Amino acid sequence: MNVWAAIATVSGAVLTLVGAVYAARSSRAAAAASARATEVAAVVQSEPAQRQADLQAFREIQEKRAQDLQETKEELRSLRSLVRAFVFYVGELSTQMRQSGIEPPAPPDRIEEYNRTGV
């Protein structure tokens, strides 16, 4: 019986070792699946927050663009006013020159074009 007892002991130890290897593999696979599920859940939960952050960034960009556009419009109005004042001033100087018998120089082509077309 000693031989059979030794065989049973050795086979029991081998089967226990095989069972432990399979259990370790299963544990590793379960841990990997659990980690992946946790990662996916975190991504799904963070999606609404990311959309909200994107929307806030878009609104800030849109507000900045609108502010820049408004500043550009104000600057354009100011420049137009300056050009009109300068035209009036140059016109007055040209009139004074003619009254004094001095013919003012011909305006540049761009001014002639503007006077002709308005553009």
Protein backbone atom coordinates (compact mmCIF):
# COMPACT_ATOMS: atom_id res chain seq x y z
CA MET A 1 0.00 0.00 0.00
CA ASN A 2 2.89 2.29 0.37
CA VAL A 3 3.33 2.44 -3.38
CA TRP A 4 -0.32 3.35 -3.88
CA ALA A 5 -0.17 5.93 -1.13
CA ALA A 6 2.92 7.50 -2.70
CA ILE A 7 1.24 7.56 -6.13
CA ALA A 8 -1.88 9.12 -4.64
CA THR A 9 0.19 11.71 -2.78
CA VAL A 10 2.23 12.63 -5.86
CA SER A 11 -0.81 12.70 -8.15
CA GLY A 12 -2.68 14.80 -5.58
CA ALA A 13 0.20 17.26 -5.44
CA VAL A 14 0.41 17.41 -9.26
CA LEU A 15 -3.34 17.94 -9.59
CA THR A 16 -3.24 20.64 -6.90
CA LEU A 17 -0.43 22.39 -8.80
CA VAL A 18 -2.39 22.17 -12.08
CA GLY A 19 -5.48 23.55 -10.34
CA ALA A 20 -3.46 26.42 -8.88
CA VAL A 21 -2.09 27.32 -12.34
CA TYR A 22 -5.59 27.38 -13.83
CA ALA A 23 -6.88 29.44 -10.90
CA ALA A 24 -4.04 31.96 -11.34
CA ARG A 25 -4.80 32.27 -15.06
CA SER A 26 -8.49 32.79 -14.34
CA SER A 27 -7.69 35.40 -11.67
CA ARG A 28 -5.41 37.29 -14.05
CA ALA A 29 -8.06 37.26 -16.80
CA ALA A 30 -10.75 38.37 -14.36
CA ALA A 31 -8.56 41.20 -13.09
CA ALA A 32 -7.86 42.38 -16.65
CA ALA A 33 -11.56 42.27 -17.52
CA SER A 34 -12.42 44.15 -14.34
CA ALA A 35 -9.79 46.82 -15.06
CA ARG A 36 -11.09 47.26 -18.61
CA ALA A 37 -14.68 47.55 -17.37
CA THR A 38 -13.63 50.18 -14.82
CA GLU A 39 -11.78 52.12 -17.53
CA VAL A 40 -14.80 52.04 -19.86
CA ALA A 41 -17.11 53.15 -17.04
CA ALA A 42 -14.80 56.09 -16.25
CA VAL A 43 -14.79 57.17 -19.90
CA VAL A 44 -18.58 56.91 -20.11
CA GLN A 45 -19.00 58.92 -16.91
CA SER A 46 -16.54 61.63 -18.01
CA GLU A 47 -18.16 62.17 -21.43
CA PRO A 48 -20.88 64.61 -20.24
CA ALA A 49 -18.28 66.61 -18.31
CA GLN A 50 -16.04 66.74 -21.37
CA ARG A 51 -18.93 67.93 -23.53
CA GLN A 52 -19.71 70.63 -20.97
CA ALA A 53 -16.05 71.74 -20.95
CA ASP A 54 -16.03 71.82 -24.77
CA LEU A 55 -19.22 73.89 -24.80
CA GLN A 56 -17.77 76.34 -22.27
CA ALA A 57 -14.57 76.69 -24.33
CA PHE A 58 -16.64 77.26 -27.48
CA ARG A 59 -18.67 79.97 -25.75
CA GLU A 60 -15.51 81.70 -24.53
CA ILE A 61 -14.03 81.63 -28.04
CA GLN A 62 -17.28 82.95 -29.49
CA GLU A 63 -17.44 85.78 -26.93
CA LYS A 64 -13.81 86.73 -27.62
CA ARG A 65 -14.48 86.74 -31.37
CA ALA A 66 -17.57 88.93 -30.91
CA GLN A 67 -15.58 91.32 -28.71
CA ASP A 68 -12.77 91.50 -31.28
CA LEU A 69 -15.30 92.16 -34.05
CA GLN A 70 -16.90 94.96 -32.02
CA GLU A 71 -13.48 96.54 -31.38
CA THR A 72 -12.68 96.30 -35.10
CA LYS A 73 -15.97 97.98 -36.00
CA GLU A 74 -15.29 100.79 -33.53
CA GLU A 75 -11.78 101.25 -34.93
CA LEU A 76 -13.17 101.32 -38.48
CA ARG A 77 -15.72 104.01 -37.50
CA SER A 78 -12.92 106.05 -35.94
CA LEU A 79 -10.72 105.73 -39.02
CA ARG A 80 -13.58 106.71 -41.32
CA SER A 81 -14.21 109.77 -39.19
CA LEU A 82 -10.51 110.63 -39.31
CA VAL A 83 -10.41 110.27 -43.10
CA ARG A 84 -13.50 112.49 -43.50
CA ALA A 85 -11.96 115.15 -41.25
CA PHE A 86 -8.69 114.93 -43.19
CA VAL A 87 -10.54 115.28 -46.52
CA PHE A 88 -12.28 118.40 -45.26
CA TYR A 89 -8.98 119.81 -43.99
CA VAL A 90 -7.12 119.13 -47.26
CA GLY A 91 -10.03 120.61 -49.20
CA GLU A 92 -9.80 123.80 -47.14
CA LEU A 93 -6.04 123.99 -47.67
CA SER A 94 -6.45 123.45 -51.42
CA THR A 95 -9.06 126.25 -51.53
CA GLN A 96 -6.72 128.60 -49.67
CA MET A 97 -3.87 127.73 -52.07
CA ARG A 98 -6.07 128.49 -55.10
CA GLN A 99 -7.22 131.78 -53.55
CA SER A 100 -3.55 132.72 -53.16
CA GLY A 101 -2.84 131.86 -56.78
CA ILE A 102 -1.06 128.58 -56.05
CA GLU A 103 -2.28 125.48 -57.86
CA PRO A 104 -2.17 122.50 -55.44
CA PRO A 105 -0.55 119.30 -56.68
CA ALA A 106 -2.81 116.73 -58.36
CA PRO A 107 -4.14 114.12 -55.97
CA PRO A 108 -2.82 110.55 -56.19
CA ASP A 109 -4.55 108.07 -58.52
CA ARG A 110 -6.18 106.29 -55.61
CA ILE A 111 -7.93 109.48 -54.53
CA GLU A 112 -9.06 110.20 -58.09
CA GLU A 113 -10.47 106.70 -58.30
CA TYR A 114 -12.31 107.15 -54.99
CA ASN A 115 -13.72 110.50 -56.10
CA ARG A 116 -14.89 108.92 -59.36
CA THR A 117 -16.29 105.63 -58.03
CA GLY A 118 -16.87 106.16 -54.32
CA VAL A 119 -14.99 102.99 -53.57
